[in-house]
Amino acid sequence: FLIIDSFFCGTVELRNYSDHEAWISGLYVDEYNRKHGIATVL
């Protein structure tokens, strides 16, 4: 799952593996939009 803020202020990637593990990587929030709760929403 690639999850993108609708105004492309940030993204995060989630992978559900078949061996029963979930991994998050690549959390990114544009520097101008940080500290506004976007990372938490993602």
PDB file of all heavy atoms in Angstrom:
ATOM      1  N   PHE A   1       0.860  -1.175   0.000  1.00  0.00           N
ATOM      2  CA  PHE A   1       0.000   0.000   0.000  1.00  0.00           C
ATOM      3  C   PHE A   1       0.900   1.230   0.000  1.00  0.00           C
ATOM      4  O   PHE A   1       1.755   1.377   0.874  1.00  0.00           O
ATOM      5  CB  PHE A   1      -0.887   0.037   1.243  1.00  0.00           C
ATOM      6  CG  PHE A   1      -1.893  -1.063   1.304  1.00  0.00           C
ATOM      7  CD1 PHE A   1      -1.576  -2.286   1.872  1.00  0.00           C
ATOM      8  CD2 PHE A   1      -3.168  -0.879   0.785  1.00  0.00           C
ATOM      9  CE1 PHE A   1      -2.503  -3.300   1.926  1.00  0.00           C
ATOM     10  CE2 PHE A   1      -4.103  -1.890   0.842  1.00  0.00           C
ATOM     11  CZ  PHE A   1      -3.772  -3.106   1.408  1.00  0.00           C
ATOM     12  N   LEU A   2       0.721   2.085  -0.984  1.00  0.00           N
ATOM     13  CA  LEU A   2       1.388   3.375  -0.991  1.00  0.00           C
ATOM     14  C   LEU A   2       0.313   4.391  -0.612  1.00  0.00           C
ATOM     15  O   LEU A   2      -0.707   4.512  -1.287  1.00  0.00           O
ATOM     16  CB  LEU A   2       1.966   3.693  -2.367  1.00  0.00           C
ATOM     17  CG  LEU A   2       2.709   5.025  -2.471  1.00  0.00           C
ATOM     18  CD1 LEU A   2       3.889   5.067  -1.495  1.00  0.00           C
ATOM     19  CD2 LEU A   2       3.183   5.257  -3.897  1.00  0.00           C
ATOM     20  N   ILE A   3       0.534   5.076   0.492  1.00  0.00           N
ATOM     21  CA  ILE A   3      -0.452   5.998   1.031  1.00  0.00           C
ATOM     22  C   ILE A   3       0.093   7.407   0.849  1.00  0.00           C
ATOM     23  O   ILE A   3       1.196   7.727   1.286  1.00  0.00           O
ATOM     24  CB  ILE A   3      -0.736   5.671   2.509  1.00  0.00           C
ATOM     25  CG1 ILE A   3      -1.238   4.222   2.599  1.00  0.00           C
ATOM     26  CG2 ILE A   3      -1.730   6.651   3.097  1.00  0.00           C
ATOM     27  CD1 ILE A   3      -1.172   3.639   3.973  1.00  0.00           C
ATOM     28  N   ILE A   4      -0.681   8.220   0.158  1.00  0.00           N
ATOM     29  CA  ILE A   4      -0.226   9.545  -0.231  1.00  0.00           C
ATOM     30  C   ILE A   4      -1.201  10.594   0.294  1.00  0.00           C
ATOM     31  O   ILE A   4      -2.412  10.448   0.126  1.00  0.00           O
ATOM     32  CB  ILE A   4      -0.154   9.654  -1.769  1.00  0.00           C
ATOM     33  CG1 ILE A   4       0.733   8.529  -2.337  1.00  0.00           C
ATOM     34  CG2 ILE A   4       0.352  11.022  -2.202  1.00  0.00           C
ATOM     35  CD1 ILE A   4       0.633   8.389  -3.841  1.00  0.00           C
ATOM     36  N   ASP A   5      -0.663  11.632   0.914  1.00  0.00           N
ATOM     37  CA  ASP A   5      -1.497  12.770   1.283  1.00  0.00           C
ATOM     38  C   ASP A   5      -2.062  13.342  -0.008  1.00  0.00           C
ATOM     39  O   ASP A   5      -1.369  13.452  -1.017  1.00  0.00           O
ATOM     40  CB  ASP A   5      -0.648  13.810   2.012  1.00  0.00           C
ATOM     41  CG  ASP A   5      -1.430  15.044   2.362  1.00  0.00           C
ATOM     42  OD1 ASP A   5      -2.124  15.023   3.389  1.00  0.00           O
ATOM     43  OD2 ASP A   5      -1.373  16.007   1.584  1.00  0.00           O
ATOM     44  N   SER A   6      -3.312  13.685  -0.024  1.00  0.00           N
ATOM     45  CA  SER A   6      -3.978  14.086  -1.262  1.00  0.00           C
ATOM     46  C   SER A   6      -3.360  15.319  -1.921  1.00  0.00           C
ATOM     47  O   SER A   6      -3.534  15.538  -3.115  1.00  0.00           O
ATOM     48  CB  SER A   6      -5.466  14.330  -1.012  1.00  0.00           C
ATOM     49  OG  SER A   6      -5.628  15.393  -0.113  1.00  0.00           O
ATOM     50  N   PHE A   7      -2.624  16.102  -1.172  1.00  0.00           N
ATOM     51  CA  PHE A   7      -1.937  17.253  -1.748  1.00  0.00           C
ATOM     52  C   PHE A   7      -0.450  16.964  -1.908  1.00  0.00           C
ATOM     53  O   PHE A   7       0.349  17.857  -2.085  1.00  0.00           O
ATOM     54  CB  PHE A   7      -2.154  18.496  -0.885  1.00  0.00           C
ATOM     55  CG  PHE A   7      -3.581  18.955  -0.924  1.00  0.00           C
ATOM     56  CD1 PHE A   7      -4.471  18.519   0.041  1.00  0.00           C
ATOM     57  CD2 PHE A   7      -4.027  19.790  -1.928  1.00  0.00           C
ATOM     58  CE1 PHE A   7      -5.795  18.931   0.005  1.00  0.00           C
ATOM     59  CE2 PHE A   7      -5.348  20.202  -1.974  1.00  0.00           C
ATOM     60  CZ  PHE A   7      -6.233  19.766  -1.007  1.00  0.00           C
ATOM     61  N   PHE A   8      -0.092  15.676  -1.828  1.00  0.00           N
ATOM     62  CA  PHE A   8       1.272  15.170  -1.950  1.00  0.00           C
ATOM     63  C   PHE A   8       2.240  15.890  -1.020  1.00  0.00           C
ATOM     64  O   PHE A   8       3.341  16.276  -1.372  1.00  0.00           O
ATOM     65  CB  PHE A   8       1.778  15.215  -3.391  1.00  0.00           C
ATOM     66  CG  PHE A   8       2.925  14.268  -3.587  1.00  0.00           C
ATOM     67  CD1 PHE A   8       2.707  12.903  -3.589  1.00  0.00           C
ATOM     68  CD2 PHE A   8       4.218  14.734  -3.725  1.00  0.00           C
ATOM     69  CE1 PHE A   8       3.763  12.014  -3.735  1.00  0.00           C
ATOM     70  CE2 PHE A   8       5.293  13.859  -3.881  1.00  0.00           C
ATOM     71  CZ  PHE A   8       5.056  12.502  -3.895  1.00  0.00           C
ATOM     72  N   CYS A   9       1.793  16.061   0.209  1.00  0.00           N
ATOM     73  CA  CYS A   9       2.665  16.601   1.242  1.00  0.00           C
ATOM     74  C   CYS A   9       3.474  15.495   1.891  1.00  0.00           C
ATOM     75  O   CYS A   9       4.471  15.756   2.538  1.00  0.00           O
ATOM     76  CB  CYS A   9       1.849  17.297   2.326  1.00  0.00           C
ATOM     77  SG  CYS A   9       0.961  18.722   1.720  1.00  0.00           S
ATOM     78  N   GLY A  10       3.021  14.243   1.718  1.00  0.00           N
ATOM     79  CA  GLY A  10       3.724  13.142   2.346  1.00  0.00           C
ATOM     80  C   GLY A  10       3.276  11.797   1.823  1.00  0.00           C
ATOM     81  O   GLY A  10       2.226  11.679   1.196  1.00  0.00           O
ATOM     82  N   THR A  11       4.105  10.794   2.103  1.00  0.00           N
ATOM     83  CA  THR A  11       3.808   9.420   1.707  1.00  0.00           C
ATOM     84  C   THR A  11       4.312   8.458   2.781  1.00  0.00           C
ATOM     85  O   THR A  11       5.178   8.794   3.584  1.00  0.00           O
ATOM     86  CB  THR A  11       4.500   9.029   0.376  1.00  0.00           C
ATOM     87  OG1 THR A  11       5.914   9.095   0.557  1.00  0.00           O
ATOM     88  CG2 THR A  11       4.086   9.930  -0.756  1.00  0.00           C
ATOM     89  N   VAL A  12       3.761   7.252   2.751  1.00  0.00           N
ATOM     90  CA  VAL A  12       4.263   6.158   3.565  1.00  0.00           C
ATOM     91  C   VAL A  12       3.949   4.868   2.820  1.00  0.00           C
ATOM     92  O   VAL A  12       2.978   4.795   2.070  1.00  0.00           O
ATOM     93  CB  VAL A  12       3.655   6.145   4.994  1.00  0.00           C
ATOM     94  CG1 VAL A  12       2.174   5.816   4.973  1.00  0.00           C
ATOM     95  CG2 VAL A  12       4.419   5.204   5.909  1.00  0.00           C
ATOM     96  N   GLU A  13       4.779   3.861   3.004  1.00  0.00           N
ATOM     97  CA  GLU A  13       4.574   2.571   2.356  1.00  0.00           C
ATOM     98  C   GLU A  13       4.356   1.496   3.418  1.00  0.00           C
ATOM     99  O   GLU A  13       5.067   1.456   4.423  1.00  0.00           O
ATOM    100  CB  GLU A  13       5.804   2.214   1.526  1.00  0.00           C
ATOM    101  CG  GLU A  13       5.656   0.938   0.752  1.00  0.00           C
ATOM    102  CD  GLU A  13       6.876   0.677  -0.120  1.00  0.00           C
ATOM    103  OE1 GLU A  13       7.213   1.524  -0.962  1.00  0.00           O
ATOM    104  OE2 GLU A  13       7.490  -0.391   0.067  1.00  0.00           O
ATOM    105  N   LEU A  14       3.368   0.655   3.194  1.00  0.00           N
ATOM    106  CA  LEU A  14       3.067  -0.475   4.078  1.00  0.00           C
ATOM    107  C   LEU A  14       3.126  -1.748   3.260  1.00  0.00           C
ATOM    108  O   LEU A  14       2.609  -1.795   2.144  1.00  0.00           O
ATOM    109  CB  LEU A  14       1.663  -0.332   4.679  1.00  0.00           C
ATOM    110  CG  LEU A  14       1.118  -1.584   5.372  1.00  0.00           C
ATOM    111  CD1 LEU A  14       1.811  -1.803   6.710  1.00  0.00           C
ATOM    112  CD2 LEU A  14      -0.377  -1.504   5.546  1.00  0.00           C
ATOM    113  N   ARG A  15       3.734  -2.776   3.811  1.00  0.00           N
ATOM    114  CA  ARG A  15       3.753  -4.089   3.168  1.00  0.00           C
ATOM    115  C   ARG A  15       3.273  -5.146   4.156  1.00  0.00           C
ATOM    116  O   ARG A  15       3.769  -5.229   5.268  1.00  0.00           O
ATOM    117  CB  ARG A  15       5.154  -4.450   2.689  1.00  0.00           C
ATOM    118  CG  ARG A  15       5.642  -3.539   1.588  1.00  0.00           C
ATOM    119  CD  ARG A  15       7.033  -3.893   1.159  1.00  0.00           C
ATOM    120  NE  ARG A  15       7.497  -2.924   0.182  1.00  0.00           N
ATOM    121  CZ  ARG A  15       8.205  -3.238  -0.873  1.00  0.00           C
ATOM    122  NH1 ARG A  15       8.545  -4.492  -1.097  1.00  0.00           N
ATOM    123  NH2 ARG A  15       8.599  -2.310  -1.709  1.00  0.00           N
ATOM    124  N   ASN A  16       2.276  -5.918   3.724  1.00  0.00           N
ATOM    125  CA  ASN A  16       1.794  -7.064   4.484  1.00  0.00           C
ATOM    126  C   ASN A  16       2.393  -8.315   3.835  1.00  0.00           C
ATOM    127  O   ASN A  16       2.020  -8.670   2.722  1.00  0.00           O
ATOM    128  CB  ASN A  16       0.267  -7.156   4.407  1.00  0.00           C
ATOM    129  CG  ASN A  16      -0.418  -6.088   5.205  1.00  0.00           C
ATOM    130  OD1 ASN A  16      -0.105  -5.874   6.361  1.00  0.00           O
ATOM    131  ND2 ASN A  16      -1.374  -5.417   4.592  1.00  0.00           N
ATOM    132  N   TYR A  17       3.313  -8.952   4.507  1.00  0.00           N
ATOM    133  CA  TYR A  17       3.964 -10.137   3.947  1.00  0.00           C
ATOM    134  C   TYR A  17       3.183 -11.394   4.289  1.00  0.00           C
ATOM    135  O   TYR A  17       2.499 -11.470   5.308  1.00  0.00           O
ATOM    136  CB  TYR A  17       5.403 -10.250   4.458  1.00  0.00           C
ATOM    137  CG  TYR A  17       6.317  -9.237   3.816  1.00  0.00           C
ATOM    138  CD1 TYR A  17       6.572  -8.016   4.426  1.00  0.00           C
ATOM    139  CD2 TYR A  17       6.896  -9.489   2.583  1.00  0.00           C
ATOM    140  CE1 TYR A  17       7.402  -7.082   3.836  1.00  0.00           C
ATOM    141  CE2 TYR A  17       7.724  -8.559   1.976  1.00  0.00           C
ATOM    142  CZ  TYR A  17       7.964  -7.362   2.605  1.00  0.00           C
ATOM    143  OH  TYR A  17       8.769  -6.432   2.014  1.00  0.00           O
ATOM    144  N   SER A  18       3.342 -12.407   3.431  1.00  0.00           N
ATOM    145  CA  SER A  18       2.610 -13.660   3.613  1.00  0.00           C
ATOM    146  C   SER A  18       3.072 -14.426   4.848  1.00  0.00           C
ATOM    147  O   SER A  18       2.395 -15.344   5.281  1.00  0.00           O
ATOM    148  CB  SER A  18       2.720 -14.534   2.360  1.00  0.00           C
ATOM    149  OG  SER A  18       4.076 -14.765   2.047  1.00  0.00           O
ATOM    150  N   ASP A  19       4.217 -14.060   5.413  1.00  0.00           N
ATOM    151  CA  ASP A  19       4.674 -14.739   6.632  1.00  0.00           C
ATOM    152  C   ASP A  19       4.181 -14.024   7.894  1.00  0.00           C
ATOM    153  O   ASP A  19       4.794 -14.094   8.945  1.00  0.00           O
ATOM    154  CB  ASP A  19       6.192 -14.896   6.633  1.00  0.00           C
ATOM    155  CG  ASP A  19       6.933 -13.566   6.583  1.00  0.00           C
ATOM    156  OD1 ASP A  19       6.272 -12.512   6.503  1.00  0.00           O
ATOM    157  OD2 ASP A  19       8.170 -13.577   6.636  1.00  0.00           O
ATOM    158  N   HIS A  20       3.061 -13.320   7.770  1.00  0.00           N
ATOM    159  CA  HIS A  20       2.364 -12.695   8.893  1.00  0.00           C
ATOM    160  C   HIS A  20       3.140 -11.540   9.528  1.00  0.00           C
ATOM    161  O   HIS A  20       3.137 -11.376  10.751  1.00  0.00           O
ATOM    162  CB  HIS A  20       1.991 -13.732   9.954  1.00  0.00           C
ATOM    163  CG  HIS A  20       1.164 -14.838   9.398  1.00  0.00           C
ATOM    164  ND1 HIS A  20      -0.168 -14.696   9.100  1.00  0.00           N
ATOM    165  CD2 HIS A  20       1.496 -16.094   9.026  1.00  0.00           C
ATOM    166  CE1 HIS A  20      -0.627 -15.825   8.601  1.00  0.00           C
ATOM    167  NE2 HIS A  20       0.357 -16.682   8.532  1.00  0.00           N
ATOM    168  N   GLU A  21       3.769 -10.734   8.688  1.00  0.00           N
ATOM    169  CA  GLU A  21       4.451  -9.540   9.171  1.00  0.00           C
ATOM    170  C   GLU A  21       3.978  -8.328   8.379  1.00  0.00           C
ATOM    171  O   GLU A  21       3.742  -8.413   7.179  1.00  0.00           O
ATOM    172  CB  GLU A  21       5.968  -9.655   9.018  1.00  0.00           C
ATOM    173  CG  GLU A  21       6.598 -10.615   9.982  1.00  0.00           C
ATOM    174  CD  GLU A  21       8.122 -10.538   9.932  1.00  0.00           C
ATOM    175  OE1 GLU A  21       8.692 -10.196   8.896  1.00  0.00           O
ATOM    176  OE2 GLU A  21       8.716 -10.832  10.977  1.00  0.00           O
ATOM    177  N   ALA A  22       3.856  -7.210   9.071  1.00  0.00           N
ATOM    178  CA  ALA A  22       3.530  -5.933   8.433  1.00  0.00           C
ATOM    179  C   ALA A  22       4.702  -4.985   8.664  1.00  0.00           C
ATOM    180  O   ALA A  22       5.195  -4.866   9.787  1.00  0.00           O
ATOM    181  CB  ALA A  22       2.255  -5.348   9.016  1.00  0.00           C
ATOM    182  N   TRP A  23       5.126  -4.336   7.584  1.00  0.00           N
ATOM    183  CA  TRP A  23       6.272  -3.435   7.638  1.00  0.00           C
ATOM    184  C   TRP A  23       5.909  -2.071   7.065  1.00  0.00           C
ATOM    185  O   TRP A  23       5.276  -1.982   6.023  1.00  0.00           O
ATOM    186  CB  TRP A  23       7.438  -3.996   6.829  1.00  0.00           C
ATOM    187  CG  TRP A  23       8.131  -5.121   7.526  1.00  0.00           C
ATOM    188  CD1 TRP A  23       7.736  -6.436   7.521  1.00  0.00           C
ATOM    189  CD2 TRP A  23       9.297  -5.050   8.323  1.00  0.00           C
ATOM    190  NE1 TRP A  23       8.603  -7.174   8.280  1.00  0.00           N
ATOM    191  CE2 TRP A  23       9.578  -6.355   8.779  1.00  0.00           C
ATOM    192  CE3 TRP A  23      10.139  -4.014   8.699  1.00  0.00           C
ATOM    193  CZ2 TRP A  23      10.665  -6.636   9.593  1.00  0.00           C
ATOM    194  CZ3 TRP A  23      11.220  -4.299   9.503  1.00  0.00           C
ATOM    195  CH2 TRP A  23      11.484  -5.589   9.947  1.00  0.00           C
ATOM    196  N   ILE A  24       6.360  -1.029   7.735  1.00  0.00           N
ATOM    197  CA  ILE A  24       6.225   0.341   7.245  1.00  0.00           C
ATOM    198  C   ILE A  24       7.615   0.836   6.872  1.00  0.00           C
ATOM    199  O   ILE A  24       8.586   0.594   7.600  1.00  0.00           O
ATOM    200  CB  ILE A  24       5.608   1.260   8.317  1.00  0.00           C
ATOM    201  CG1 ILE A  24       4.113   0.970   8.462  1.00  0.00           C
ATOM    202  CG2 ILE A  24       5.853   2.723   7.998  1.00  0.00           C
ATOM    203  CD1 ILE A  24       3.424   1.780   9.526  1.00  0.00           C
ATOM    204  N   SER A  25       7.682   1.537   5.742  1.00  0.00           N
ATOM    205  CA  SER A  25       8.942   2.173   5.342  1.00  0.00           C
ATOM    206  C   SER A  25       8.622   3.421   4.537  1.00  0.00           C
ATOM    207  O   SER A  25       7.495   3.630   4.098  1.00  0.00           O
ATOM    208  CB  SER A  25       9.807   1.218   4.519  1.00  0.00           C
ATOM    209  OG  SER A  25       9.155   0.891   3.307  1.00  0.00           O
ATOM    210  N   GLY A  26       9.624   4.233   4.342  1.00  0.00           N
ATOM    211  CA  GLY A  26       9.504   5.371   3.456  1.00  0.00           C
ATOM    212  C   GLY A  26       8.558   6.468   3.896  1.00  0.00           C
ATOM    213  O   GLY A  26       7.983   7.146   3.063  1.00  0.00           O
ATOM    214  N   LEU A  27       8.395   6.668   5.201  1.00  0.00           N
ATOM    215  CA  LEU A  27       7.564   7.789   5.648  1.00  0.00           C
ATOM    216  C   LEU A  27       8.253   9.087   5.257  1.00  0.00           C
ATOM    217  O   LEU A  27       9.438   9.299   5.541  1.00  0.00           O
ATOM    218  CB  LEU A  27       7.367   7.740   7.167  1.00  0.00           C
ATOM    219  CG  LEU A  27       6.601   8.914   7.778  1.00  0.00           C
ATOM    220  CD1 LEU A  27       5.157   8.941   7.278  1.00  0.00           C
ATOM    221  CD2 LEU A  27       6.633   8.830   9.292  1.00  0.00           C
ATOM    222  N   TYR A  28       7.518   9.942   4.573  1.00  0.00           N
ATOM    223  CA  TYR A  28       8.076  11.230   4.141  1.00  0.00           C
ATOM    224  C   TYR A  28       6.988  12.289   4.225  1.00  0.00           C
ATOM    225  O   TYR A  28       5.865  12.076   3.775  1.00  0.00           O
ATOM    226  CB  TYR A  28       8.586  11.147   2.694  1.00  0.00           C
ATOM    227  CG  TYR A  28       8.968  12.502   2.151  1.00  0.00           C
ATOM    228  CD1 TYR A  28      10.177  13.088   2.505  1.00  0.00           C
ATOM    229  CD2 TYR A  28       8.103  13.215   1.340  1.00  0.00           C
ATOM    230  CE1 TYR A  28      10.521  14.359   2.050  1.00  0.00           C
ATOM    231  CE2 TYR A  28       8.434  14.484   0.872  1.00  0.00           C
ATOM    232  CZ  TYR A  28       9.646  15.040   1.221  1.00  0.00           C
ATOM    233  OH  TYR A  28       9.973  16.291   0.773  1.00  0.00           O
ATOM    234  N   VAL A  29       7.340  13.426   4.803  1.00  0.00           N
ATOM    235  CA  VAL A  29       6.465  14.597   4.797  1.00  0.00           C
ATOM    236  C   VAL A  29       7.315  15.769   4.322  1.00  0.00           C
ATOM    237  O   VAL A  29       8.427  15.997   4.826  1.00  0.00           O
ATOM    238  CB  VAL A  29       5.869  14.890   6.191  1.00  0.00           C
ATOM    239  CG1 VAL A  29       5.074  16.186   6.180  1.00  0.00           C
ATOM    240  CG2 VAL A  29       4.991  13.735   6.647  1.00  0.00           C
ATOM    241  N   ASP A  30       6.805  16.509   3.348  1.00  0.00           N
ATOM    242  CA  ASP A  30       7.490  17.678   2.819  1.00  0.00           C
ATOM    243  C   ASP A  30       7.882  18.604   3.961  1.00  0.00           C
ATOM    244  O   ASP A  30       7.101  18.836   4.886  1.00  0.00           O
ATOM    245  CB  ASP A  30       6.551  18.390   1.839  1.00  0.00           C
ATOM    246  CG  ASP A  30       7.176  19.625   1.258  1.00  0.00           C
ATOM    247  OD1 ASP A  30       7.984  19.469   0.324  1.00  0.00           O
ATOM    248  OD2 ASP A  30       6.843  20.716   1.734  1.00  0.00           O
ATOM    249  N   GLU A  31       9.089  19.130   3.902  1.00  0.00           N
ATOM    250  CA  GLU A  31       9.620  19.941   5.001  1.00  0.00           C
ATOM    251  C   GLU A  31       8.700  21.108   5.372  1.00  0.00           C
ATOM    252  O   GLU A  31       8.491  21.405   6.543  1.00  0.00           O
ATOM    253  CB  GLU A  31      11.002  20.481   4.610  1.00  0.00           C
ATOM    254  CG  GLU A  31      11.703  21.199   5.730  1.00  0.00           C
ATOM    255  CD  GLU A  31      13.125  21.590   5.380  1.00  0.00           C
ATOM    256  OE1 GLU A  31      13.692  21.050   4.419  1.00  0.00           O
ATOM    257  OE2 GLU A  31      13.654  22.464   6.087  1.00  0.00           O
ATOM    258  N   TYR A  32       8.098  21.742   4.397  1.00  0.00           N
ATOM    259  CA  TYR A  32       7.208  22.881   4.647  1.00  0.00           C
ATOM    260  C   TYR A  32       5.956  22.468   5.430  1.00  0.00           C
ATOM    261  O   TYR A  32       5.393  23.270   6.167  1.00  0.00           O
ATOM    262  CB  TYR A  32       6.798  23.508   3.305  1.00  0.00           C
ATOM    263  CG  TYR A  32       5.839  24.654   3.438  1.00  0.00           C
ATOM    264  CD1 TYR A  32       6.278  25.912   3.850  1.00  0.00           C
ATOM    265  CD2 TYR A  32       4.486  24.483   3.164  1.00  0.00           C
ATOM    266  CE1 TYR A  32       5.398  26.972   3.976  1.00  0.00           C
ATOM    267  CE2 TYR A  32       3.599  25.543   3.292  1.00  0.00           C
ATOM    268  CZ  TYR A  32       4.055  26.777   3.695  1.00  0.00           C
ATOM    269  OH  TYR A  32       3.185  27.819   3.829  1.00  0.00           O
ATOM    270  N   ASN A  33       5.543  21.211   5.291  1.00  0.00           N
ATOM    271  CA  ASN A  33       4.301  20.745   5.911  1.00  0.00           C
ATOM    272  C   ASN A  33       4.513  19.929   7.185  1.00  0.00           C
ATOM    273  O   ASN A  33       3.570  19.347   7.709  1.00  0.00           O
ATOM    274  CB  ASN A  33       3.518  19.923   4.892  1.00  0.00           C
ATOM    275  CG  ASN A  33       2.994  20.797   3.784  1.00  0.00           C
ATOM    276  OD1 ASN A  33       2.125  21.627   4.001  1.00  0.00           O
ATOM    277  ND2 ASN A  33       3.549  20.637   2.594  1.00  0.00           N
ATOM    278  N   ARG A  34       5.708  19.866   7.679  1.00  0.00           N
ATOM    279  CA  ARG A  34       5.977  19.098   8.905  1.00  0.00           C
ATOM    280  C   ARG A  34       5.394  19.804  10.125  1.00  0.00           C
ATOM    281  O   ARG A  34       5.139  20.996  10.119  1.00  0.00           O
ATOM    282  CB  ARG A  34       7.484  18.884   9.068  1.00  0.00           C
ATOM    283  CG  ARG A  34       8.021  17.964   7.991  1.00  0.00           C
ATOM    284  CD  ARG A  34       9.492  17.719   8.120  1.00  0.00           C
ATOM    285  NE  ARG A  34       9.923  16.937   6.952  1.00  0.00           N
ATOM    286  CZ  ARG A  34      11.158  16.863   6.543  1.00  0.00           C
ATOM    287  NH1 ARG A  34      12.114  17.473   7.203  1.00  0.00           N
ATOM    288  NH2 ARG A  34      11.448  16.149   5.478  1.00  0.00           N
ATOM    289  N   LYS A  35       5.190  19.011  11.157  1.00  0.00           N
ATOM    290  CA  LYS A  35       4.652  19.487  12.440  1.00  0.00           C
ATOM    291  C   LYS A  35       3.205  19.952  12.328  1.00  0.00           C
ATOM    292  O   LYS A  35       2.763  20.835  13.057  1.00  0.00           O
ATOM    293  CB  LYS A  35       5.545  20.562  13.044  1.00  0.00           C
ATOM    294  CG  LYS A  35       6.948  20.050  13.308  1.00  0.00           C
ATOM    295  CD  LYS A  35       7.722  20.934  14.198  1.00  0.00           C
ATOM    296  CE  LYS A  35       9.093  20.302  14.384  1.00  0.00           C
ATOM    297  NZ  LYS A  35       9.781  20.731  15.526  1.00  0.00           N
ATOM    298  N   HIS A  36       2.468  19.336  11.399  1.00  0.00           N
ATOM    299  CA  HIS A  36       1.043  19.623  11.241  1.00  0.00           C
ATOM    300  C   HIS A  36       0.208  18.349  11.373  1.00  0.00           C
ATOM    301  O   HIS A  36      -0.965  18.351  11.033  1.00  0.00           O
ATOM    302  CB  HIS A  36       0.765  20.272   9.877  1.00  0.00           C
ATOM    303  CG  HIS A  36       1.400  21.611   9.714  1.00  0.00           C
ATOM    304  ND1 HIS A  36       0.949  22.754  10.357  1.00  0.00           N
ATOM    305  CD2 HIS A  36       2.474  21.996   8.995  1.00  0.00           C
ATOM    306  CE1 HIS A  36       1.719  23.771  10.028  1.00  0.00           C
ATOM    307  NE2 HIS A  36       2.651  23.341   9.210  1.00  0.00           N
ATOM    308  N   GLY A  37       0.824  17.263  11.817  1.00  0.00           N
ATOM    309  CA  GLY A  37       0.090  16.018  12.024  1.00  0.00           C
ATOM    310  C   GLY A  37      -0.071  15.142  10.800  1.00  0.00           C
ATOM    311  O   GLY A  37      -0.752  14.117  10.860  1.00  0.00           O
ATOM    312  N   ILE A  38       0.567  15.500   9.690  1.00  0.00           N
ATOM    313  CA  ILE A  38       0.410  14.714   8.462  1.00  0.00           C
ATOM    314  C   ILE A  38       1.018  13.329   8.617  1.00  0.00           C
ATOM    315  O   ILE A  38       0.425  12.334   8.189  1.00  0.00           O
ATOM    316  CB  ILE A  38       1.008  15.472   7.258  1.00  0.00           C
ATOM    317  CG1 ILE A  38       0.190  16.743   6.997  1.00  0.00           C
ATOM    318  CG2 ILE A  38       1.053  14.590   6.010  1.00  0.00           C
ATOM    319  CD1 ILE A  38       0.806  17.702   6.013  1.00  0.00           C
ATOM    320  N   ALA A  39       2.180  13.224   9.240  1.00  0.00           N
ATOM    321  CA  ALA A  39       2.809  11.913   9.438  1.00  0.00           C
ATOM    322  C   ALA A  39       1.907  11.010  10.277  1.00  0.00           C
ATOM    323  O   ALA A  39       1.755   9.818   9.978  1.00  0.00           O
ATOM    324  CB  ALA A  39       4.172  12.067  10.106  1.00  0.00           C
ATOM    325  N   THR A  40       1.287  11.547  11.286  1.00  0.00           N
ATOM    326  CA  THR A  40       0.378  10.763  12.125  1.00  0.00           C
ATOM    327  C   THR A  40      -0.821  10.279  11.321  1.00  0.00           C
ATOM    328  O   THR A  40      -1.235   9.118  11.437  1.00  0.00           O
ATOM    329  CB  THR A  40      -0.071  11.595  13.339  1.00  0.00           C
ATOM    330  OG1 THR A  40       1.096  11.954  14.100  1.00  0.00           O
ATOM    331  CG2 THR A  40      -1.031  10.813  14.217  1.00  0.00           C
ATOM    332  N   VAL A  41      -1.374  11.148  10.473  1.00  0.00           N
ATOM    333  CA  VAL A  41      -2.502  10.750   9.625  1.00  0.00           C
ATOM    334  C   VAL A  41      -2.086   9.621   8.683  1.00  0.00           C
ATOM    335  O   VAL A  41      -2.804   8.630   8.527  1.00  0.00           O
ATOM    336  CB  VAL A  41      -3.038  11.965   8.827  1.00  0.00           C
ATOM    337  CG1 VAL A  41      -4.005  11.531   7.742  1.00  0.00           C
ATOM    338  CG2 VAL A  41      -3.702  12.957   9.767  1.00  0.00           C
ATOM    339  N   LEU A  42      -0.907   9.747   8.077  1.00  0.00           N
ATOM    340  CA  LEU A  42      -0.427   8.716   7.156  1.00  0.00           C
ATOM    341  C   LEU A  42      -0.226   7.382   7.876  1.00  0.00           C
ATOM    342  O   LEU A  42      -0.600   6.328   7.368  1.00  0.00           O
ATOM    343  CB  LEU A  42       0.872   9.168   6.486  1.00  0.00           C
ATOM    344  CG  LEU A  42       0.742  10.328   5.491  1.00  0.00           C
ATOM    345  CD1 LEU A  42       2.117  10.861   5.115  1.00  0.00           C
ATOM    346  CD2 LEU A  42      -0.025   9.902   4.259  1.00  0.00           C
TER     347      LEU A  42
END
